[in-house]
């Protein structure tokens, strides 16, 4: 497949794998961006953004990236902690007094970042209008009792993660998390990354499709389905229905656990900015902050009895050979249910992102092959060599 963009000669293997993904995975449209030491070394895109119209993927194309939103919220939380405004190990109720109900008094932001708070799903079932209004979800979280003793074990906090941490951000800054992210980070860097897509950007939005044979969700009462759909308020993956993931009303709302929309460049630049700074700017997150973020909080068998090889730091996926291999112990990442993946690494100086509009499966091989190519291209470059 002919693709657009460019790659430094040293990163030609990434371009080769990007092209091969189209042939071997029947890729529809996709993009990959890589930064090294704050300088963009790969920016590639290709294929079709909307198969109904044949609209080509462009450099500025954005696509829903699902739970890559958690990385955005986590960067914001760590930035506030670095500024001394948020103590990740103090009770959430320090900032949000009404949260201290029903056995939640001891829950800290770090427990939420590590998916250990006992709040993977709500008993309440706010409808779509209530979710997009924000406050009804906040009230439901206040009334919720943990499903296990907080800190005792972990399970993926699919949507509660974003709303809970998002409300802490709102209490501290006066801004909802999508607005705070734009003001504190994205506007200055010119990132094409949003939690709450502006209507003016709908013309640059790629349309999601499901790959044939993509695994289906269990029934509506299954806890996994309840977690992912917020008890049925969202249709997942449901790409062509109201409140499904091509619905402009959903993408325009702030769904901070799973509702980000971004270009590959936007996500890669965010992680590069966090890890190294971009184009000579100071890094967003200090080495000490990243050290705190990549300390393992959760791994092994989860509350539901699953062990997929996932390892969680504070808000980020950690290097996990059985699940999401990255570059090493200082890699911090998040992925999306359509196969999207982004990470930073301050030892290797990397900001990476891959996005696509064909949803194959959670953790499918496309991004992993590109990360492996980046690792190959780095060659003899080692953490020690970076000083």
Protein backbone atom coordinates (compact mmCIF):
# COMPACT_ATOMS: atom_id res chain seq x y z
CA UNK A 1 0.00 0.00 0.00
CA UNK A 2 1.20 3.47 -0.82
CA UNK A 3 1.16 5.65 2.25
CA UNK A 4 1.62 9.33 2.83
CA UNK A 5 3.97 11.19 5.13
CA UNK A 6 7.57 10.49 5.90
CA UNK A 7 10.00 8.61 8.12
CA UNK A 8 13.63 9.37 8.87
CA UNK A 9 15.90 6.98 7.01
CA UNK A 10 16.85 5.33 10.26
CA UNK A 11 13.18 4.48 10.90
CA UNK A 12 12.43 2.94 7.54
CA UNK A 13 11.46 -0.33 9.21
CA UNK A 14 8.49 1.42 10.81
CA UNK A 15 7.30 2.53 7.37
CA UNK A 16 7.73 -1.01 6.08
CA UNK A 17 5.62 -2.48 8.88
CA UNK A 18 2.99 0.23 8.50
CA UNK A 19 2.61 -0.70 4.81
CA UNK A 20 2.63 -4.41 5.60
CA UNK A 21 -0.20 -3.97 8.12
CA UNK A 22 -2.48 -2.88 5.29
CA UNK A 23 -1.78 -6.07 3.36
CA UNK A 24 -1.69 -8.53 6.23
CA UNK A 25 -4.55 -7.15 8.36
CA UNK A 26 -6.69 -5.63 5.60
CA UNK A 27 -6.23 -2.28 7.30
CA UNK A 28 -8.79 0.35 6.26
CA UNK A 29 -7.25 3.65 7.40
CA UNK A 30 -4.49 4.25 9.91
CA UNK A 31 -1.67 6.52 11.04
CA UNK A 32 1.49 6.20 13.13
CA UNK A 33 3.72 8.91 14.61
CA UNK A 34 6.99 8.55 16.51
CA UNK A 35 9.03 11.18 18.35
CA UNK A 36 12.59 10.65 19.55
CA UNK A 37 14.04 13.15 22.03
CA UNK A 38 11.20 15.55 21.23
CA UNK A 39 11.75 15.47 17.47
CA UNK A 40 9.28 13.86 15.10
CA UNK A 41 10.99 11.04 13.19
CA UNK A 42 7.92 9.22 11.77
CA UNK A 43 4.61 10.66 10.59
CA UNK A 44 2.74 8.25 8.30
CA UNK A 45 -0.88 7.91 7.30
CA UNK A 46 -2.81 6.06 4.65
CA UNK A 47 -5.97 4.32 3.53
CA UNK A 48 -9.58 5.38 3.82
CA UNK A 49 -11.12 7.49 6.57
CA UNK A 50 -14.73 6.77 5.54
CA UNK A 51 -15.44 3.66 3.49
CA UNK A 52 -18.94 4.91 2.60
CA UNK A 53 -17.57 7.89 0.69
CA UNK A 54 -14.02 6.77 -0.03
CA UNK A 55 -12.69 9.81 1.79
CA UNK A 56 -8.94 9.41 2.11
CA UNK A 57 -7.14 9.51 5.45
CA UNK A 58 -5.32 12.84 5.73
CA UNK A 59 -2.58 14.16 7.93
CA UNK A 60 -5.15 15.93 10.13
CA UNK A 61 -7.62 13.02 10.34
CA UNK A 62 -8.80 12.17 13.84
CA UNK A 63 -10.50 9.00 15.06
CA UNK A 64 -12.11 7.77 18.29
CA UNK A 65 -9.33 6.23 20.40
CA UNK A 66 -11.48 4.95 23.25
CA UNK A 67 -9.52 4.28 26.46
CA UNK A 68 -6.47 6.16 25.27
CA UNK A 69 -8.52 8.82 27.08
CA UNK A 70 -7.28 7.29 30.35
CA UNK A 71 -3.73 8.28 29.44
CA UNK A 72 -4.86 11.86 28.86
CA UNK A 73 -6.66 12.02 32.22
CA UNK A 74 -3.66 10.38 33.92
CA UNK A 75 -1.23 12.95 32.49
CA UNK A 76 -3.50 15.66 33.87
CA UNK A 77 -3.65 14.03 37.31
CA UNK A 78 0.12 13.63 37.48
CA UNK A 79 0.62 17.20 36.30
CA UNK A 80 -1.59 18.46 39.15
CA UNK A 81 0.31 16.24 41.60
CA UNK A 82 3.62 17.57 40.31
CA UNK A 83 2.36 21.11 40.89
CA UNK A 84 1.50 20.24 44.49
CA UNK A 85 -2.23 20.70 43.91
CA UNK A 86 -3.19 17.01 44.16
CA UNK A 87 -1.93 14.37 46.59
CA UNK A 88 -2.45 11.02 44.88
CA UNK A 89 -2.29 9.23 48.23
CA UNK A 90 -4.73 11.45 50.14
CA UNK A 91 -8.41 10.45 50.29
CA UNK A 92 -10.46 11.55 47.28
CA UNK A 93 -12.79 13.10 49.84
CA UNK A 94 -10.08 15.66 50.65
CA UNK A 95 -11.05 17.33 47.37
CA UNK A 96 -14.58 15.99 47.02
CA UNK A 97 -16.19 15.67 50.48
CA UNK A 98 -19.45 14.16 49.21
CA UNK A 99 -17.49 11.18 47.90
CA UNK A 100 -16.93 9.88 51.46
CA UNK A 101 -20.05 7.74 51.62
CA UNK A 102 -20.76 4.03 51.59
CA UNK A 103 -17.29 2.81 52.51
CA UNK A 104 -15.35 5.06 50.13
CA UNK A 105 -13.67 7.20 52.80
CA UNK A 106 -10.24 5.62 52.32
CA UNK A 107 -10.19 5.60 48.50
CA UNK A 108 -7.33 7.65 47.06
CA UNK A 109 -6.73 8.92 43.54
CA UNK A 110 -3.90 6.39 43.24
CA UNK A 111 -6.33 3.53 43.93
CA UNK A 112 -8.44 4.78 41.04
CA UNK A 113 -5.38 5.20 38.80
CA UNK A 114 -4.42 1.60 39.60
CA UNK A 115 -8.00 0.29 39.12
CA UNK A 116 -8.06 -0.76 42.80
CA UNK A 117 -10.88 1.43 44.17
CA UNK A 118 -13.63 -1.21 44.01
CA UNK A 119 -15.68 0.89 41.59
CA UNK A 120 -15.44 -0.81 38.19
CA UNK A 121 -19.14 -0.27 37.50
CA UNK A 122 -22.06 1.66 38.96
CA UNK A 123 -25.27 0.21 40.34
CA UNK A 124 -27.11 3.23 38.94
CA UNK A 125 -28.00 3.40 35.26
CA UNK A 126 -27.88 7.05 34.18
CA UNK A 127 -29.14 7.50 30.66
CA UNK A 128 -27.21 9.16 27.85
CA UNK A 129 -28.58 12.63 28.59
CA UNK A 130 -27.69 12.30 32.27
CA UNK A 131 -24.19 11.09 31.47
CA UNK A 132 -23.52 14.01 29.14
CA UNK A 133 -24.83 16.38 31.83
CA UNK A 134 -21.96 15.21 34.12
CA UNK A 135 -23.56 15.94 37.51
CA UNK A 136 -25.86 12.86 37.55
CA UNK A 137 -22.84 10.57 37.15
CA UNK A 138 -21.06 12.41 39.96
CA UNK A 139 -24.10 11.85 42.20
CA UNK A 140 -24.21 8.16 41.26
CA UNK A 141 -20.50 7.76 42.16
CA UNK A 142 -21.15 9.45 45.51
CA UNK A 143 -23.89 6.93 46.30
CA UNK A 144 -21.98 3.87 45.06
CA UNK A 145 -20.56 1.32 47.51
CA UNK A 146 -17.27 -0.37 46.56
CA UNK A 147 -17.57 -3.92 45.24
CA UNK A 148 -14.53 -4.96 47.27
CA UNK A 149 -12.48 -3.48 50.08
CA UNK A 150 -10.65 -0.57 48.39
CA UNK A 151 -7.05 -1.43 47.62
CA UNK A 152 -7.57 -5.17 48.15
CA UNK A 153 -7.59 -6.22 44.49
CA UNK A 154 -8.08 -4.65 41.07
CA UNK A 155 -10.38 -4.67 38.09
CA UNK A 156 -10.57 -2.38 35.09
CA UNK A 157 -12.54 0.79 35.95
CA UNK A 158 -13.76 1.32 32.40
CA UNK A 159 -15.80 4.52 32.69
CA UNK A 160 -15.80 5.29 36.42
CA UNK A 161 -12.03 5.92 36.13
CA UNK A 162 -12.60 8.98 33.94
CA UNK A 163 -15.59 10.45 35.71
CA UNK A 164 -14.12 9.97 39.19
CA UNK A 165 -10.71 11.43 38.42
CA UNK A 166 -12.40 13.97 36.17
CA UNK A 167 -14.50 15.25 39.05
CA UNK A 168 -11.37 15.56 41.22
CA UNK A 169 -9.80 17.61 38.40
CA UNK A 170 -12.95 19.74 38.22
CA UNK A 171 -12.95 20.34 41.97
CA UNK A 172 -9.31 21.47 41.82
CA UNK A 173 -9.36 23.55 38.63
CA UNK A 174 -12.98 24.51 37.98
CA UNK A 175 -12.74 22.77 34.60
CA UNK A 176 -14.01 19.41 33.44
CA UNK A 177 -11.13 17.13 32.41
CA UNK A 178 -11.48 17.67 28.68
CA UNK A 179 -11.44 21.43 29.12
CA UNK A 180 -8.57 21.30 31.61
CA UNK A 181 -6.52 19.14 29.25
CA UNK A 182 -6.95 21.65 26.43
CA UNK A 183 -6.09 24.64 28.66
CA UNK A 184 -3.16 23.09 30.54
CA UNK A 185 -1.58 21.00 27.78
CA UNK A 186 -3.15 20.61 24.37
CA UNK A 187 -3.74 24.17 23.21
CA UNK A 188 -0.14 25.21 23.85
CA UNK A 189 1.15 22.16 21.97
CA UNK A 190 -1.41 22.42 19.16
CA UNK A 191 -2.56 18.84 19.73
CA UNK A 192 -5.38 17.42 17.62
CA UNK A 193 -6.59 15.50 20.66
CA UNK A 194 -9.82 16.03 22.56
CA UNK A 195 -12.09 14.59 25.22
CA UNK A 196 -15.21 16.16 23.78
CA UNK A 197 -14.73 16.70 20.04
CA UNK A 198 -15.58 20.24 18.87
CA UNK A 199 -18.29 20.29 16.23
CA UNK A 200 -15.96 22.15 13.87
CA UNK A 201 -13.75 19.03 13.72
CA UNK A 202 -16.45 16.62 12.50
CA UNK A 203 -15.24 17.00 8.91
CA UNK A 204 -11.86 15.53 9.85
CA UNK A 205 -13.30 12.56 11.74
CA UNK A 206 -12.65 9.03 10.50
CA UNK A 207 -15.54 6.57 10.68
CA UNK A 208 -15.09 3.36 12.65
CA UNK A 209 -15.91 -0.05 11.20
CA UNK A 210 -15.82 -3.46 12.82
CA UNK A 211 -13.57 -6.13 11.38
CA UNK A 212 -15.27 -9.40 10.43
CA UNK A 213 -15.13 -11.89 13.27
CA UNK A 214 -14.52 -9.28 15.95
CA UNK A 215 -15.49 -10.81 19.31
CA UNK A 216 -18.94 -9.77 20.51
CA UNK A 217 -19.85 -8.57 23.97
CA UNK A 218 -21.59 -10.89 26.44
CA UNK A 219 -25.24 -10.25 27.35
CA UNK A 220 -26.41 -6.90 28.73
CA UNK A 221 -26.45 -8.10 32.35
CA UNK A 222 -22.89 -9.40 32.27
CA UNK A 223 -20.62 -7.24 34.39
CA UNK A 224 -18.12 -6.76 31.56
CA UNK A 225 -20.87 -5.41 29.32
CA UNK A 226 -22.17 -3.20 32.11
CA UNK A 227 -18.65 -1.85 32.68
CA UNK A 228 -18.04 -1.03 29.02
CA UNK A 229 -21.50 0.38 28.22
CA UNK A 230 -22.22 2.14 31.54
CA UNK A 231 -25.18 -0.19 32.09
CA UNK A 232 -26.40 0.16 28.52
CA UNK A 233 -26.17 3.94 28.09
CA UNK A 234 -23.60 3.46 25.31
CA UNK A 235 -23.95 0.94 22.50
CA UNK A 236 -20.63 -0.82 22.18
CA UNK A 237 -19.17 -1.23 19.72
CA UNK A 238 -22.38 -0.24 17.89
CA UNK A 239 -20.66 1.86 15.29
CA UNK A 240 -23.78 2.88 13.33
CA UNK A 241 -26.45 3.48 15.94
CA UNK A 242 -27.43 6.35 18.23
CA UNK A 243 -25.03 6.49 21.20
CA UNK A 244 -22.62 4.24 19.35
CA UNK A 245 -19.03 5.26 18.70
CA UNK A 246 -19.62 7.05 15.41
CA UNK A 247 -22.35 9.21 16.94
CA UNK A 248 -21.27 12.90 16.93
CA UNK A 249 -23.38 13.47 20.06
CA UNK A 250 -21.33 10.88 21.95
CA UNK A 251 -17.99 12.06 20.59
CA UNK A 252 -18.83 15.67 21.39
CA UNK A 253 -19.58 14.84 25.00
CA UNK A 254 -16.97 14.50 27.74
CA UNK A 255 -16.68 10.76 28.33
CA UNK A 256 -13.28 10.89 30.01
CA UNK A 257 -12.70 7.18 30.57
CA UNK A 258 -13.09 6.14 26.95
CA UNK A 259 -14.22 9.05 24.80
CA UNK A 260 -11.05 10.63 23.41
CA UNK A 261 -10.68 11.53 19.74
CA UNK A 262 -7.22 12.13 18.33
CA UNK A 263 -4.81 12.01 15.47
CA UNK A 264 -1.75 9.79 15.81
CA UNK A 265 0.39 12.91 15.88
CA UNK A 266 -1.66 14.37 18.74
CA UNK A 267 -1.27 11.35 20.99
CA UNK A 268 2.41 10.79 20.14
CA UNK A 269 3.18 14.46 20.79
CA UNK A 270 1.35 14.28 24.13
CA UNK A 271 3.45 11.33 25.29
CA UNK A 272 6.62 12.90 23.90
CA UNK A 273 5.82 16.14 25.72
CA UNK A 274 5.25 14.20 28.94
CA UNK A 275 8.46 12.17 28.62
CA UNK A 276 10.97 14.54 27.03
CA UNK A 277 9.36 17.77 25.92
CA UNK A 278 8.90 18.49 22.21
CA UNK A 279 10.97 20.70 19.95
CA UNK A 280 13.13 21.87 22.83
CA UNK A 281 10.35 22.58 25.32
CA UNK A 282 10.59 21.48 28.95
CA UNK A 283 9.06 18.06 29.63
CA UNK A 284 5.57 18.09 31.12
CA UNK A 285 6.25 15.36 33.66
CA UNK A 286 9.51 15.33 35.58
CA UNK A 287 11.66 12.23 35.88
CA UNK A 288 10.44 11.89 39.49
CA UNK A 289 6.81 12.10 38.37
CA UNK A 290 7.34 9.39 35.75
CA UNK A 291 9.11 7.24 38.35
CA UNK A 292 5.99 7.56 40.50
CA UNK A 293 3.69 6.80 37.56
CA UNK A 294 5.49 3.61 36.46
CA UNK A 295 5.63 1.99 39.91
CA UNK A 296 3.43 -1.11 39.57
CA UNK A 297 0.06 -0.88 41.33
CA UNK A 298 -1.83 -3.81 39.85
CA UNK A 299 -1.18 -7.01 37.96
CA UNK A 300 -1.89 -10.73 37.99
CA UNK A 301 -5.36 -12.12 38.60
CA UNK A 302 -8.05 -9.47 38.79
CA UNK A 303 -11.31 -9.35 40.76
CA UNK A 304 -13.15 -11.15 37.94
CA UNK A 305 -10.52 -13.89 37.93
CA UNK A 306 -8.83 -12.70 34.74
CA UNK A 307 -5.11 -12.53 34.13
CA UNK A 308 -4.28 -11.24 30.66
CA UNK A 309 -0.74 -10.28 31.58
CA UNK A 310 -1.71 -6.64 32.17
CA UNK A 311 0.39 -4.51 34.52
CA UNK A 312 -0.84 -1.12 35.72
CA UNK A 313 1.12 1.75 37.18
CA UNK A 314 -0.71 4.88 38.32
CA UNK A 315 -2.99 5.45 35.35
CA UNK A 316 -0.79 3.82 32.71
CA UNK A 317 -0.17 0.40 31.27
CA UNK A 318 3.34 -0.77 32.04
CA UNK A 319 5.63 -2.84 29.85
CA UNK A 320 4.06 -6.30 29.73
CA UNK A 321 5.55 -8.85 27.29
CA UNK A 322 2.46 -11.06 27.48
CA UNK A 323 0.04 -8.20 26.82
CA UNK A 324 1.52 -4.96 25.47
CA UNK A 325 5.30 -5.00 25.01
CA UNK A 326 6.81 -1.52 24.90
CA UNK A 327 10.47 -0.60 25.44
CA UNK A 328 11.19 -1.17 29.10
CA UNK A 329 10.41 -0.40 32.72
CA UNK A 330 9.94 3.35 32.16
CA UNK A 331 7.43 2.99 29.32
CA UNK A 332 3.97 4.32 30.24
CA UNK A 333 1.06 3.62 27.91
CA UNK A 334 -2.63 3.33 27.25
CA UNK A 335 -4.59 1.57 24.55
CA UNK A 336 -8.01 1.70 22.95
CA UNK A 337 -10.53 -0.96 22.19
CA UNK A 338 -10.23 -0.40 18.45
CA UNK A 339 -6.55 -1.37 18.52
CA UNK A 340 -5.15 2.14 19.09
CA UNK A 341 -2.04 2.43 21.26
CA UNK A 342 0.17 5.24 22.58
CA UNK A 343 3.07 5.42 24.99
CA UNK A 344 6.01 7.46 26.21
CA UNK A 345 9.40 6.43 27.55
CA UNK A 346 11.82 8.91 29.06
CA UNK A 347 14.77 6.50 29.07
CA UNK A 348 14.58 5.95 25.33
CA UNK A 349 13.16 9.41 24.64
CA UNK A 350 10.11 8.08 22.82
CA UNK A 351 6.59 9.31 22.14
CA UNK A 352 4.60 6.83 20.02
CA UNK A 353 1.02 6.54 18.78
CA UNK A 354 -0.86 4.33 16.34
CA UNK A 355 -4.52 4.92 15.47
CA UNK A 356 -6.86 3.16 13.05
CA UNK A 357 -10.53 3.02 12.16
CA UNK A 358 -10.89 -0.74 11.62
CA UNK A 359 -11.67 -2.26 15.00
CA UNK A 360 -10.05 -5.71 15.02
CA UNK A 361 -9.74 -6.49 18.70
CA UNK A 362 -8.45 -5.24 22.00
CA UNK A 363 -4.69 -5.61 21.90
CA UNK A 364 -4.49 -6.88 18.31
CA UNK A 365 -1.10 -7.19 16.67
CA UNK A 366 -0.98 -4.08 14.46
CA UNK A 367 0.40 -1.62 17.01
CA UNK A 368 2.66 -4.24 18.56
CA UNK A 369 4.38 -4.83 15.25
CA UNK A 370 5.04 -1.12 14.89
CA UNK A 371 6.43 -0.89 18.43
CA UNK A 372 8.72 -3.82 17.66
CA UNK A 373 9.92 -1.96 14.56
CA UNK A 374 10.67 1.13 16.66
CA UNK A 375 12.63 -1.05 19.06
CA UNK A 376 14.60 -2.49 16.14
CA UNK A 377 15.29 0.97 14.72
CA UNK A 378 16.65 2.20 18.04
CA UNK A 379 19.32 -0.47 17.65
CA UNK A 380 22.27 0.09 19.92
CA UNK A 381 20.63 3.09 21.58
CA UNK A 382 20.35 2.17 25.26
CA UNK A 383 19.08 3.96 28.33
CA UNK A 384 22.65 4.34 29.60
CA UNK A 385 23.64 6.03 26.34
CA UNK A 386 21.02 8.69 26.97
CA UNK A 387 22.62 9.83 30.20
